[in-house]
């Protein structure tokens, strides 16, 4: 389900433009691949899956030899106008519903980084907060039947309640839907000011997911969710 969180979320005293790296291009999708990654990039990253998303996709591909892994980049502005993130929730929801209907044997992996993690998280929501008015293009939660087609959800640097509250007190909470909680991995780098508890100014931590090993950790998690043994990869990551 796509929810909007207000136009000032990422203007809460943190300039994420300085910590986000260049973005890599997503791969073209086969008609009905074995696995499809639907990933939402972070703020200010160019259209595509972003640097963190590409690191995760690369790690996943290396762990699934012989499998057809397609990538679908969530289409939304990823700007400081956080209300426009609703476009990403609508796009992600439509993509998941289309895949579930048209490619029922494809295993879907939903993911996102930073603002994109919020987009992905809202997409899984199974209820609308009381009194919250849905933005245009969103009619409500995805059908319950879609959840069985989603093998895993991976979120990097999800905005914390404190971060959301400082930026916009009207922002609805990011609540992973009940049908997705057991298959969701949320990763927060130590000191990341967007997702860590308390106040942190370690901007570098927020851009570290692409090379701090957490992309590998997420890929291992997905492989296990797909029912395959994950390779042994040294890990120095912290999950939340």
C-alpha atoms as a PDB file:
ATOM      1  CA  UNK A   1       0.000   0.000   0.000  1.00  0.00           C
ATOM      2  CA  UNK A   2       1.282   3.458  -0.862  1.00  0.00           C
ATOM      3  CA  UNK A   3       1.232   6.038   1.878  1.00  0.00           C
ATOM      4  CA  UNK A   4       2.482   9.607   1.833  1.00  0.00           C
ATOM      5  CA  UNK A   5       4.487  10.995   4.717  1.00  0.00           C
ATOM      6  CA  UNK A   6       4.662  14.728   4.131  1.00  0.00           C
ATOM      7  CA  UNK A   7       6.861  17.026   2.115  1.00  0.00           C
ATOM      8  CA  UNK A   8       9.529  17.769   4.717  1.00  0.00           C
ATOM      9  CA  UNK A   9      10.676  14.294   5.813  1.00  0.00           C
ATOM     10  CA  UNK A  10      14.218  14.455   4.518  1.00  0.00           C
ATOM     11  CA  UNK A  11      14.702  18.124   5.253  1.00  0.00           C
ATOM     12  CA  UNK A  12      15.174  17.481   8.989  1.00  0.00           C
ATOM     13  CA  UNK A  13      18.630  18.953   9.215  1.00  0.00           C
ATOM     14  CA  UNK A  14      20.358  16.167   7.288  1.00  0.00           C
ATOM     15  CA  UNK A  15      21.652  16.657   3.777  1.00  0.00           C
ATOM     16  CA  UNK A  16      21.403  13.159   2.342  1.00  0.00           C
ATOM     17  CA  UNK A  17      22.569  14.429  -1.027  1.00  0.00           C
ATOM     18  CA  UNK A  18      26.089  14.473   0.384  1.00  0.00           C
ATOM     19  CA  UNK A  19      26.015  10.827   1.402  1.00  0.00           C
ATOM     20  CA  UNK A  20      24.350   9.127  -1.531  1.00  0.00           C
ATOM     21  CA  UNK A  21      26.564   7.636  -4.197  1.00  0.00           C
ATOM     22  CA  UNK A  22      26.063   7.337  -7.958  1.00  0.00           C
ATOM     23  CA  UNK A  23      23.432   4.927  -9.191  1.00  0.00           C
ATOM     24  CA  UNK A  24      23.869   1.874 -11.387  1.00  0.00           C
ATOM     25  CA  UNK A  25      21.504   0.730 -14.092  1.00  0.00           C
ATOM     26  CA  UNK A  26      19.014  -2.065 -13.447  1.00  0.00           C
ATOM     27  CA  UNK A  27      18.938  -5.104 -15.699  1.00  0.00           C
ATOM     28  CA  UNK A  28      16.182  -5.736 -18.236  1.00  0.00           C
ATOM     29  CA  UNK A  29      13.523  -8.167 -17.032  1.00  0.00           C
ATOM     30  CA  UNK A  30      12.672 -11.439 -18.796  1.00  0.00           C
ATOM     31  CA  UNK A  31       8.944 -12.124 -19.306  1.00  0.00           C
ATOM     32  CA  UNK A  32       8.632 -14.410 -16.260  1.00  0.00           C
ATOM     33  CA  UNK A  33      11.977 -14.777 -14.481  1.00  0.00           C
ATOM     34  CA  UNK A  34      12.723 -17.181 -11.642  1.00  0.00           C
ATOM     35  CA  UNK A  35      13.234 -14.222  -9.307  1.00  0.00           C
ATOM     36  CA  UNK A  36      12.285 -10.572  -9.706  1.00  0.00           C
ATOM     37  CA  UNK A  37      13.732  -7.841  -7.506  1.00  0.00           C
ATOM     38  CA  UNK A  38      11.512  -4.781  -7.123  1.00  0.00           C
ATOM     39  CA  UNK A  39      13.716  -2.114  -5.533  1.00  0.00           C
ATOM     40  CA  UNK A  40      13.196   1.553  -4.596  1.00  0.00           C
ATOM     41  CA  UNK A  41      16.258   3.818  -4.631  1.00  0.00           C
ATOM     42  CA  UNK A  42      17.134   6.468  -2.075  1.00  0.00           C
ATOM     43  CA  UNK A  43      16.766  10.234  -2.134  1.00  0.00           C
ATOM     44  CA  UNK A  44      18.524  12.067  -4.979  1.00  0.00           C
ATOM     45  CA  UNK A  45      19.720   8.861  -6.646  1.00  0.00           C
ATOM     46  CA  UNK A  46      19.196   8.803 -10.405  1.00  0.00           C
ATOM     47  CA  UNK A  47      16.354   6.671 -11.820  1.00  0.00           C
ATOM     48  CA  UNK A  48      17.107   2.977 -11.410  1.00  0.00           C
ATOM     49  CA  UNK A  49      17.829   0.915  -8.314  1.00  0.00           C
ATOM     50  CA  UNK A  50      20.591   3.101  -6.890  1.00  0.00           C
ATOM     51  CA  UNK A  51      24.036   2.173  -5.622  1.00  0.00           C
ATOM     52  CA  UNK A  52      22.813   0.167  -2.627  1.00  0.00           C
ATOM     53  CA  UNK A  53      20.216  -1.594  -4.737  1.00  0.00           C
ATOM     54  CA  UNK A  54      22.777  -2.513  -7.376  1.00  0.00           C
ATOM     55  CA  UNK A  55      25.205  -3.877  -4.759  1.00  0.00           C
ATOM     56  CA  UNK A  56      22.398  -6.032  -3.394  1.00  0.00           C
ATOM     57  CA  UNK A  57      21.334  -7.235  -6.863  1.00  0.00           C
ATOM     58  CA  UNK A  58      24.935  -8.079  -7.767  1.00  0.00           C
ATOM     59  CA  UNK A  59      25.340 -10.065  -4.550  1.00  0.00           C
ATOM     60  CA  UNK A  60      22.082 -11.904  -5.153  1.00  0.00           C
ATOM     61  CA  UNK A  61      23.007 -12.778  -8.731  1.00  0.00           C
ATOM     62  CA  UNK A  62      26.326 -14.219  -7.597  1.00  0.00           C
ATOM     63  CA  UNK A  63      24.461 -16.486  -5.165  1.00  0.00           C
ATOM     64  CA  UNK A  64      21.902 -17.744  -7.671  1.00  0.00           C
ATOM     65  CA  UNK A  65      23.892 -19.206 -10.577  1.00  0.00           C
ATOM     66  CA  UNK A  66      21.641 -20.551 -13.280  1.00  0.00           C
ATOM     67  CA  UNK A  67      18.633 -18.597 -12.025  1.00  0.00           C
ATOM     68  CA  UNK A  68      17.024 -15.858 -14.125  1.00  0.00           C
ATOM     69  CA  UNK A  69      17.011 -12.806 -11.835  1.00  0.00           C
ATOM     70  CA  UNK A  70      15.245  -9.728 -13.195  1.00  0.00           C
ATOM     71  CA  UNK A  71      15.208  -6.242 -11.709  1.00  0.00           C
ATOM     72  CA  UNK A  72      12.405  -3.698 -11.657  1.00  0.00           C
ATOM     73  CA  UNK A  73      13.306  -0.228 -10.394  1.00  0.00           C
ATOM     74  CA  UNK A  74      10.441   1.487  -8.597  1.00  0.00           C
ATOM     75  CA  UNK A  75       9.446   4.591 -10.525  1.00  0.00           C
ATOM     76  CA  UNK A  76       9.152   7.642  -8.283  1.00  0.00           C
ATOM     77  CA  UNK A  77      10.906  11.023  -7.901  1.00  0.00           C
ATOM     78  CA  UNK A  78      13.036  10.180  -4.806  1.00  0.00           C
ATOM     79  CA  UNK A  79      13.188  13.891  -4.025  1.00  0.00           C
ATOM     80  CA  UNK A  80      12.947  15.961  -0.856  1.00  0.00           C
ATOM     81  CA  UNK A  81       9.227  16.347  -1.577  1.00  0.00           C
ATOM     82  CA  UNK A  82       8.356  13.214   0.378  1.00  0.00           C
ATOM     83  CA  UNK A  83       4.671  13.412  -0.520  1.00  0.00           C
ATOM     84  CA  UNK A  84       5.729  12.268  -3.991  1.00  0.00           C
ATOM     85  CA  UNK A  85       6.985   9.016  -2.472  1.00  0.00           C
ATOM     86  CA  UNK A  86       3.361   7.955  -2.785  1.00  0.00           C
ATOM     87  CA  UNK A  87       4.066   7.526  -6.496  1.00  0.00           C
ATOM     88  CA  UNK A  88       6.603   4.865  -5.556  1.00  0.00           C
ATOM     89  CA  UNK A  89       4.183   2.963  -3.362  1.00  0.00           C
ATOM     90  CA  UNK A  90       1.614   2.967  -6.156  1.00  0.00           C
ATOM     91  CA  UNK A  91       4.210   1.831  -8.707  1.00  0.00           C
ATOM     92  CA  UNK A  92       5.589  -0.906  -6.453  1.00  0.00           C
ATOM     93  CA  UNK A  93       2.109  -2.125  -5.571  1.00  0.00           C
ATOM     94  CA  UNK A  94       1.061  -2.259  -9.212  1.00  0.00           C
ATOM     95  CA  UNK A  95       4.250  -4.127 -10.135  1.00  0.00           C
ATOM     96  CA  UNK A  96       3.786  -6.711  -7.387  1.00  0.00           C
ATOM     97  CA  UNK A  97       0.144  -7.263  -8.240  1.00  0.00           C
ATOM     98  CA  UNK A  98       0.949  -7.607 -11.969  1.00  0.00           C
ATOM     99  CA  UNK A  99       3.748 -10.086 -11.279  1.00  0.00           C
ATOM    100  CA  UNK A 100       1.597 -12.151  -8.953  1.00  0.00           C
ATOM    101  CA  UNK A 101      -1.139 -12.359 -11.589  1.00  0.00           C
ATOM    102  CA  UNK A 102       0.954 -12.711 -14.740  1.00  0.00           C
ATOM    103  CA  UNK A 103       3.961 -14.655 -13.450  1.00  0.00           C
ATOM    104  CA  UNK A 104       2.625 -16.726 -10.543  1.00  0.00           C
ATOM    105  CA  UNK A 105       5.765 -18.891 -10.355  1.00  0.00           C
ATOM    106  CA  UNK A 106       8.131 -15.931 -10.129  1.00  0.00           C
ATOM    107  CA  UNK A 107       9.472 -15.340  -6.623  1.00  0.00           C
ATOM    108  CA  UNK A 108       9.381 -11.645  -5.821  1.00  0.00           C
ATOM    109  CA  UNK A 109      11.917  -9.784  -3.690  1.00  0.00           C
ATOM    110  CA  UNK A 110      10.851  -6.320  -2.536  1.00  0.00           C
ATOM    111  CA  UNK A 111      13.501  -3.914  -1.326  1.00  0.00           C
ATOM    112  CA  UNK A 112      14.459  -0.319  -0.781  1.00  0.00           C
ATOM    113  CA  UNK A 113      17.078   2.030   0.588  1.00  0.00           C
ATOM    114  CA  UNK A 114      16.472   5.136   2.735  1.00  0.00           C
ATOM    115  CA  UNK A 115      13.383   6.892   1.352  1.00  0.00           C
ATOM    116  CA  UNK A 116      13.023   3.827  -0.860  1.00  0.00           C
ATOM    117  CA  UNK A 117      12.934   1.615   2.241  1.00  0.00           C
ATOM    118  CA  UNK A 118      10.002   3.691   3.451  1.00  0.00           C
ATOM    119  CA  UNK A 119       8.334   3.215   0.057  1.00  0.00           C
ATOM    120  CA  UNK A 120       8.837  -0.554   0.228  1.00  0.00           C
ATOM    121  CA  UNK A 121       7.693  -0.705   3.837  1.00  0.00           C
ATOM    122  CA  UNK A 122       4.516   1.239   3.140  1.00  0.00           C
ATOM    123  CA  UNK A 123       3.843  -1.028   0.165  1.00  0.00           C
ATOM    124  CA  UNK A 124       3.491  -4.013   2.508  1.00  0.00           C
ATOM    125  CA  UNK A 125       1.089  -2.280   4.903  1.00  0.00           C
ATOM    126  CA  UNK A 126      -2.148  -4.140   5.522  1.00  0.00           C
ATOM    127  CA  UNK A 127      -4.169  -1.266   6.969  1.00  0.00           C
ATOM    128  CA  UNK A 128      -4.613   2.481   6.681  1.00  0.00           C
ATOM    129  CA  UNK A 129      -3.990   4.519   9.849  1.00  0.00           C
ATOM    130  CA  UNK A 130      -7.180   5.933  11.319  1.00  0.00           C
ATOM    131  CA  UNK A 131      -7.938   9.326   9.839  1.00  0.00           C
ATOM    132  CA  UNK A 132      -5.249   9.092   7.175  1.00  0.00           C
ATOM    133  CA  UNK A 133      -6.342  10.183   3.708  1.00  0.00           C
ATOM    134  CA  UNK A 134      -4.833   8.092   0.932  1.00  0.00           C
ATOM    135  CA  UNK A 135      -3.175  10.061  -1.882  1.00  0.00           C
ATOM    136  CA  UNK A 136      -4.406   9.925  -5.453  1.00  0.00           C
ATOM    137  CA  UNK A 137      -3.690   6.643  -7.213  1.00  0.00           C
ATOM    138  CA  UNK A 138      -3.880   4.477  -4.090  1.00  0.00           C
ATOM    139  CA  UNK A 139      -7.095   2.768  -3.099  1.00  0.00           C
ATOM    140  CA  UNK A 140      -5.837   0.746  -0.151  1.00  0.00           C
ATOM    141  CA  UNK A 141      -3.629  -2.204   0.795  1.00  0.00           C
ATOM    142  CA  UNK A 142      -2.562  -4.751  -1.797  1.00  0.00           C
ATOM    143  CA  UNK A 143      -4.711  -7.896  -2.000  1.00  0.00           C
ATOM    144  CA  UNK A 144      -3.740 -10.449   0.640  1.00  0.00           C
ATOM    145  CA  UNK A 145      -3.030 -12.986  -2.097  1.00  0.00           C
ATOM    146  CA  UNK A 146       0.005 -11.011  -3.286  1.00  0.00           C
ATOM    147  CA  UNK A 147       1.944 -11.796  -0.109  1.00  0.00           C
ATOM    148  CA  UNK A 148       2.371 -15.465  -1.002  1.00  0.00           C
ATOM    149  CA  UNK A 149       4.288 -14.446  -4.128  1.00  0.00           C
ATOM    150  CA  UNK A 150       6.749 -12.255  -2.200  1.00  0.00           C
ATOM    151  CA  UNK A 151       9.624 -14.387  -0.938  1.00  0.00           C
ATOM    152  CA  UNK A 152      11.511 -11.660   0.910  1.00  0.00           C
ATOM    153  CA  UNK A 153      11.599  -7.974   1.795  1.00  0.00           C
ATOM    154  CA  UNK A 154      14.938  -6.249   2.439  1.00  0.00           C
ATOM    155  CA  UNK A 155      15.148  -2.699   3.761  1.00  0.00           C
ATOM    156  CA  UNK A 156      18.332  -0.660   4.125  1.00  0.00           C
ATOM    157  CA  UNK A 157      18.387   2.425   6.359  1.00  0.00           C
ATOM    158  CA  UNK A 158      14.637   2.658   6.950  1.00  0.00           C
ATOM    159  CA  UNK A 159      13.710   6.072   8.423  1.00  0.00           C
ATOM    160  CA  UNK A 160      13.177   5.674  12.162  1.00  0.00           C
ATOM    161  CA  UNK A 161      10.084   6.958  13.986  1.00  0.00           C
ATOM    162  CA  UNK A 162      12.260   9.684  15.510  1.00  0.00           C
ATOM    163  CA  UNK A 163      13.518  10.762  12.109  1.00  0.00           C
ATOM    164  CA  UNK A 164      10.002  10.779  10.711  1.00  0.00           C
ATOM    165  CA  UNK A 165       8.720  12.733  13.704  1.00  0.00           C
ATOM    166  CA  UNK A 166      11.440  15.369  13.556  1.00  0.00           C
ATOM    167  CA  UNK A 167      10.784  15.916   9.884  1.00  0.00           C
ATOM    168  CA  UNK A 168       6.986  15.709   9.804  1.00  0.00           C
ATOM    169  CA  UNK A 169       4.802  15.024  12.818  1.00  0.00           C
ATOM    170  CA  UNK A 170       1.982  13.998  10.468  1.00  0.00           C
ATOM    171  CA  UNK A 171       3.975  11.191   8.875  1.00  0.00           C
ATOM    172  CA  UNK A 172       2.273   7.816   9.356  1.00  0.00           C
ATOM    173  CA  UNK A 173       4.380   5.053  10.911  1.00  0.00           C
ATOM    174  CA  UNK A 174       6.172   2.613   8.645  1.00  0.00           C
ATOM    175  CA  UNK A 175       4.474  -0.624   9.636  1.00  0.00           C
ATOM    176  CA  UNK A 176       5.381  -3.860   7.861  1.00  0.00           C
ATOM    177  CA  UNK A 177       2.194  -5.815   7.166  1.00  0.00           C
ATOM    178  CA  UNK A 178       1.550  -8.980   9.155  1.00  0.00           C
ATOM    179  CA  UNK A 179       1.894 -11.200   6.082  1.00  0.00           C
ATOM    180  CA  UNK A 180       5.367  -9.821   5.373  1.00  0.00           C
ATOM    181  CA  UNK A 181       6.968  -9.490   8.803  1.00  0.00           C
ATOM    182  CA  UNK A 182       8.453 -12.990   8.977  1.00  0.00           C
ATOM    183  CA  UNK A 183      10.083 -12.566   5.567  1.00  0.00           C
ATOM    184  CA  UNK A 184      11.459  -9.047   6.159  1.00  0.00           C
ATOM    185  CA  UNK A 185      15.038  -8.075   6.993  1.00  0.00           C
ATOM    186  CA  UNK A 186      15.713  -4.484   8.086  1.00  0.00           C
ATOM    187  CA  UNK A 187      19.336  -3.395   8.133  1.00  0.00           C
ATOM    188  CA  UNK A 188      20.655  -0.294   9.885  1.00  0.00           C
ATOM    189  CA  UNK A 189      24.337   0.576   9.829  1.00  0.00           C
ATOM    190  CA  UNK A 190      25.663   1.627  13.254  1.00  0.00           C
ATOM    191  CA  UNK A 191      25.426   5.393  13.545  1.00  0.00           C
ATOM    192  CA  UNK A 192      23.207   5.848  10.494  1.00  0.00           C
ATOM    193  CA  UNK A 193      21.348   9.091  11.315  1.00  0.00           C
ATOM    194  CA  UNK A 194      18.277   8.046   9.349  1.00  0.00           C
ATOM    195  CA  UNK A 195      17.554   4.715  11.043  1.00  0.00           C
ATOM    196  CA  UNK A 196      19.589   4.578  14.273  1.00  0.00           C
ATOM    197  CA  UNK A 197      17.982   5.337  17.630  1.00  0.00           C
ATOM    198  CA  UNK A 198      18.859   8.767  18.975  1.00  0.00           C
ATOM    199  CA  UNK A 199      20.597  11.584  17.163  1.00  0.00           C
ATOM    200  CA  UNK A 200      23.629  10.824  15.035  1.00  0.00           C
ATOM    201  CA  UNK A 201      25.590  12.966  12.604  1.00  0.00           C
ATOM    202  CA  UNK A 202      27.513  10.136  10.936  1.00  0.00           C
ATOM    203  CA  UNK A 203      26.352  10.801   7.397  1.00  0.00           C
ATOM    204  CA  UNK A 204      28.890   8.377   5.978  1.00  0.00           C
ATOM    205  CA  UNK A 205      27.129   5.526   7.766  1.00  0.00           C
ATOM    206  CA  UNK A 206      23.988   6.143   5.728  1.00  0.00           C
ATOM    207  CA  UNK A 207      25.824   5.673   2.438  1.00  0.00           C
ATOM    208  CA  UNK A 208      27.846   2.643   3.579  1.00  0.00           C
ATOM    209  CA  UNK A 209      25.381  -0.137   2.720  1.00  0.00           C
ATOM    210  CA  UNK A 210      26.774  -0.685  -0.750  1.00  0.00           C
ATOM    211  CA  UNK A 211      30.180  -1.674   0.593  1.00  0.00           C
ATOM    212  CA  UNK A 212      29.882  -2.412   4.347  1.00  0.00           C
ATOM    213  CA  UNK A 213      28.810  -6.019   3.805  1.00  0.00           C
ATOM    214  CA  UNK A 214      25.123  -5.496   4.468  1.00  0.00           C
ATOM    215  CA  UNK A 215      24.229  -5.962   0.799  1.00  0.00           C
ATOM    216  CA  UNK A 216      25.832  -9.415   1.102  1.00  0.00           C
ATOM    217  CA  UNK A 217      23.919 -10.100   4.312  1.00  0.00           C
ATOM    218  CA  UNK A 218      20.671  -9.166   2.610  1.00  0.00           C
ATOM    219  CA  UNK A 219      21.445 -11.401  -0.358  1.00  0.00           C
ATOM    220  CA  UNK A 220      22.156 -14.347   1.958  1.00  0.00           C
ATOM    221  CA  UNK A 221      18.834 -13.734   3.709  1.00  0.00           C
ATOM    222  CA  UNK A 222      16.978 -13.735   0.403  1.00  0.00           C
ATOM    223  CA  UNK A 223      18.658 -16.947  -0.737  1.00  0.00           C
ATOM    224  CA  UNK A 224      17.506 -18.631   2.474  1.00  0.00           C
ATOM    225  CA  UNK A 225      13.986 -17.297   1.941  1.00  0.00           C
ATOM    226  CA  UNK A 226      14.072 -18.787  -1.530  1.00  0.00           C
ATOM    227  CA  UNK A 227      14.753 -22.170   0.053  1.00  0.00           C
ATOM    228  CA  UNK A 228      18.363 -22.446  -1.053  1.00  0.00           C
ATOM    229  CA  UNK A 229      21.456 -22.729   1.152  1.00  0.00           C
ATOM    230  CA  UNK A 230      23.273 -19.431   1.461  1.00  0.00           C
ATOM    231  CA  UNK A 231      27.049 -19.444   0.989  1.00  0.00           C
ATOM    232  CA  UNK A 232      29.237 -18.759   3.983  1.00  0.00           C
ATOM    233  CA  UNK A 233      30.220 -15.098   3.746  1.00  0.00           C
ATOM    234  CA  UNK A 234      32.128 -13.292   6.520  1.00  0.00           C
ATOM    235  CA  UNK A 235      29.795 -10.760   8.071  1.00  0.00           C
ATOM    236  CA  UNK A 236      30.378  -7.721  10.244  1.00  0.00           C
ATOM    237  CA  UNK A 237      26.910  -6.299   9.914  1.00  0.00           C
ATOM    238  CA  UNK A 238      24.239  -5.282  12.379  1.00  0.00           C
ATOM    239  CA  UNK A 239      20.596  -5.916  11.624  1.00  0.00           C
ATOM    240  CA  UNK A 240      17.699  -4.177  13.329  1.00  0.00           C
END
